[in-house]
Amino acid sequence: MISPDIDTLRLFLHVLAAAVWVGGQIVVGAVVPRLRGIHPDNARALAKGFARVAWPAFGLAVVTGIWSLLDVPISDMSSDYQATLAIHVLLVAVAGTSAVVHSWGRTKLALAIGGALGLLASLGALFVGVLMVG
């Protein structure tokens, strides 16, 4: 068996956090509309429960991402890698900001735009992150 090291742990935690953040958005996004039709209070409870797990996961992804940046000599990387990294960081910022808009939003428009843009940016960040590892 290949021996794990600290880099393995960092990448594992980063991928786990991204899986919870992005995967949870997909699941909750699919379940909440149906649940809202059955019992609106349960939909709100599900969303709040997800937030208690999702935000720490987002924070862990950001922390492990910064940890990775501190461990990689960015200036030695190709300009393609640096551009991809910049896009990744931008998408993460848009995802987090959009999720805040969705979480704090009081109008249907804020909820819809924040949720949709947050998911799209999260999916984009996930895809671009895979580009950088692969």
Protein backbone atom coordinates (compact mmCIF):
# COMPACT_ATOMS: atom_id res chain seq x y z
CA MET A 1 0.00 0.00 0.00
CA ILE A 2 1.19 3.52 -0.77
CA SER A 3 1.99 5.36 2.44
CA PRO A 4 -0.08 8.49 3.04
CA ASP A 5 1.61 11.72 4.05
CA ILE A 6 0.53 15.21 5.11
CA ASP A 7 -0.13 16.19 1.48
CA THR A 8 -2.50 13.23 1.19
CA LEU A 9 -4.34 14.37 4.30
CA ARG A 10 -4.60 17.94 3.02
CA LEU A 11 -5.96 16.83 -0.36
CA PHE A 12 -8.37 14.37 1.28
CA LEU A 13 -9.77 17.07 3.56
CA HIS A 14 -10.05 19.49 0.63
CA VAL A 15 -11.92 16.99 -1.55
CA LEU A 16 -14.15 15.92 1.35
CA ALA A 17 -15.08 19.53 2.10
CA ALA A 18 -15.79 20.23 -1.58
CA ALA A 19 -17.92 17.08 -1.82
CA VAL A 20 -20.02 18.14 1.16
CA TRP A 21 -20.36 21.73 -0.11
CA VAL A 22 -21.18 20.94 -3.76
CA GLY A 23 -22.93 17.61 -3.30
CA GLY A 24 -25.05 18.99 -0.50
CA GLN A 25 -26.18 21.89 -2.67
CA ILE A 26 -27.29 19.47 -5.36
CA VAL A 27 -29.19 17.25 -2.92
CA VAL A 28 -30.81 20.08 -0.98
CA GLY A 29 -31.66 21.87 -4.23
CA ALA A 30 -33.45 18.77 -5.44
CA VAL A 31 -35.26 18.04 -2.17
CA VAL A 32 -36.33 21.49 -0.93
CA PRO A 33 -38.85 22.33 -3.69
CA ARG A 34 -40.71 19.06 -3.10
CA LEU A 35 -40.48 19.41 0.67
CA ARG A 36 -41.65 23.02 0.51
CA GLY A 37 -44.82 21.81 -1.23
CA ILE A 38 -45.48 19.29 1.53
CA HIS A 39 -44.46 21.25 4.59
CA PRO A 40 -42.67 24.63 4.32
CA ASP A 41 -41.31 24.50 7.90
CA ASN A 42 -39.55 21.22 7.16
CA ALA A 43 -37.93 22.75 4.08
CA ARG A 44 -36.57 25.60 6.20
CA ALA A 45 -35.32 23.13 8.83
CA LEU A 46 -33.54 21.10 6.15
CA ALA A 47 -31.91 24.22 4.73
CA LYS A 48 -30.76 25.35 8.19
CA GLY A 49 -29.45 21.87 8.96
CA PHE A 50 -27.52 21.83 5.71
CA ALA A 51 -26.05 25.26 6.48
CA ARG A 52 -24.67 23.93 9.80
CA VAL A 53 -22.69 21.34 7.83
CA ALA A 54 -22.06 23.24 4.59
CA TRP A 55 -20.47 26.41 5.96
CA PRO A 56 -17.84 24.57 8.03
CA ALA A 57 -17.12 22.45 4.93
CA PHE A 58 -16.71 25.61 2.85
CA GLY A 59 -14.37 27.00 5.50
CA LEU A 60 -12.36 23.78 5.53
CA ALA A 61 -12.09 23.89 1.73
CA VAL A 62 -10.82 27.48 1.89
CA VAL A 63 -8.32 26.67 4.66
CA THR A 64 -6.98 23.56 2.91
CA GLY A 65 -6.87 25.53 -0.36
CA ILE A 66 -4.75 28.23 1.27
CA TRP A 67 -2.61 25.50 2.84
CA SER A 68 -2.06 24.06 -0.63
CA LEU A 69 -1.14 27.48 -2.01
CA LEU A 70 1.47 27.92 0.72
CA ASP A 71 2.95 24.54 -0.16
CA VAL A 72 3.16 25.05 -3.94
CA PRO A 73 5.72 27.42 -5.49
CA ILE A 74 3.15 29.32 -7.60
CA SER A 75 5.78 31.48 -9.31
CA ASP A 76 7.45 28.32 -10.63
CA MET A 77 4.19 27.07 -12.16
CA SER A 78 3.25 27.64 -15.80
CA SER A 79 1.20 30.65 -16.78
CA ASP A 80 -1.62 28.26 -17.71
CA TYR A 81 -1.60 26.87 -14.17
CA GLN A 82 -1.54 30.38 -12.68
CA ALA A 83 -4.48 31.48 -14.87
CA THR A 84 -6.41 28.34 -13.92
CA LEU A 85 -5.69 29.00 -10.24
CA ALA A 86 -6.92 32.59 -10.58
CA ILE A 87 -10.16 31.36 -12.18
CA HIS A 88 -10.53 28.79 -9.40
CA VAL A 89 -10.12 31.41 -6.67
CA LEU A 90 -12.57 33.73 -8.44
CA LEU A 91 -15.17 30.94 -8.72
CA VAL A 92 -14.76 30.07 -5.03
CA ALA A 93 -15.28 33.73 -4.11
CA VAL A 94 -18.39 33.94 -6.32
CA ALA A 95 -19.72 30.68 -4.84
CA GLY A 96 -19.27 31.88 -1.26
CA THR A 97 -20.68 35.33 -1.95
CA SER A 98 -23.68 33.89 -3.80
CA ALA A 99 -24.33 31.44 -0.98
CA VAL A 100 -24.33 34.34 1.50
CA VAL A 101 -26.85 36.18 -0.71
CA HIS A 102 -28.96 33.02 -0.79
CA SER A 103 -28.68 32.50 2.98
CA TRP A 104 -29.49 36.07 3.92
CA GLY A 105 -31.90 36.78 1.09
CA ARG A 106 -35.48 37.61 1.98
CA THR A 107 -36.93 37.81 -1.53
CA LYS A 108 -37.59 35.02 -3.97
CA LEU A 109 -35.26 36.73 -6.44
CA ALA A 110 -32.35 36.85 -3.97
CA LEU A 111 -32.92 33.22 -3.00
CA ALA A 112 -33.13 32.12 -6.63
CA ILE A 113 -30.15 34.09 -7.94
CA GLY A 114 -27.99 33.35 -4.91
CA GLY A 115 -28.80 29.64 -5.03
CA ALA A 116 -28.41 29.21 -8.77
CA LEU A 117 -25.24 31.29 -9.09
CA GLY A 118 -23.79 29.67 -5.97
CA LEU A 119 -24.29 26.19 -7.36
CA LEU A 120 -22.96 27.08 -10.82
CA ALA A 121 -19.88 28.77 -9.36
CA SER A 122 -19.33 25.82 -6.98
CA LEU A 123 -19.53 23.35 -9.86
CA GLY A 124 -17.14 25.52 -11.86
CA ALA A 125 -14.70 25.73 -8.97
CA LEU A 126 -14.85 21.96 -8.54
CA PHE A 127 -14.18 21.38 -12.25
CA VAL A 128 -11.31 23.87 -12.37
CA GLY A 129 -9.85 22.39 -9.19
CA VAL A 130 -9.81 18.97 -10.82
CA LEU A 131 -7.99 20.51 -13.81
CA MET A 132 -5.23 21.71 -11.49
CA VAL A 133 -4.76 18.32 -9.82
CA GLY A 134 -5.06 16.20 -12.94
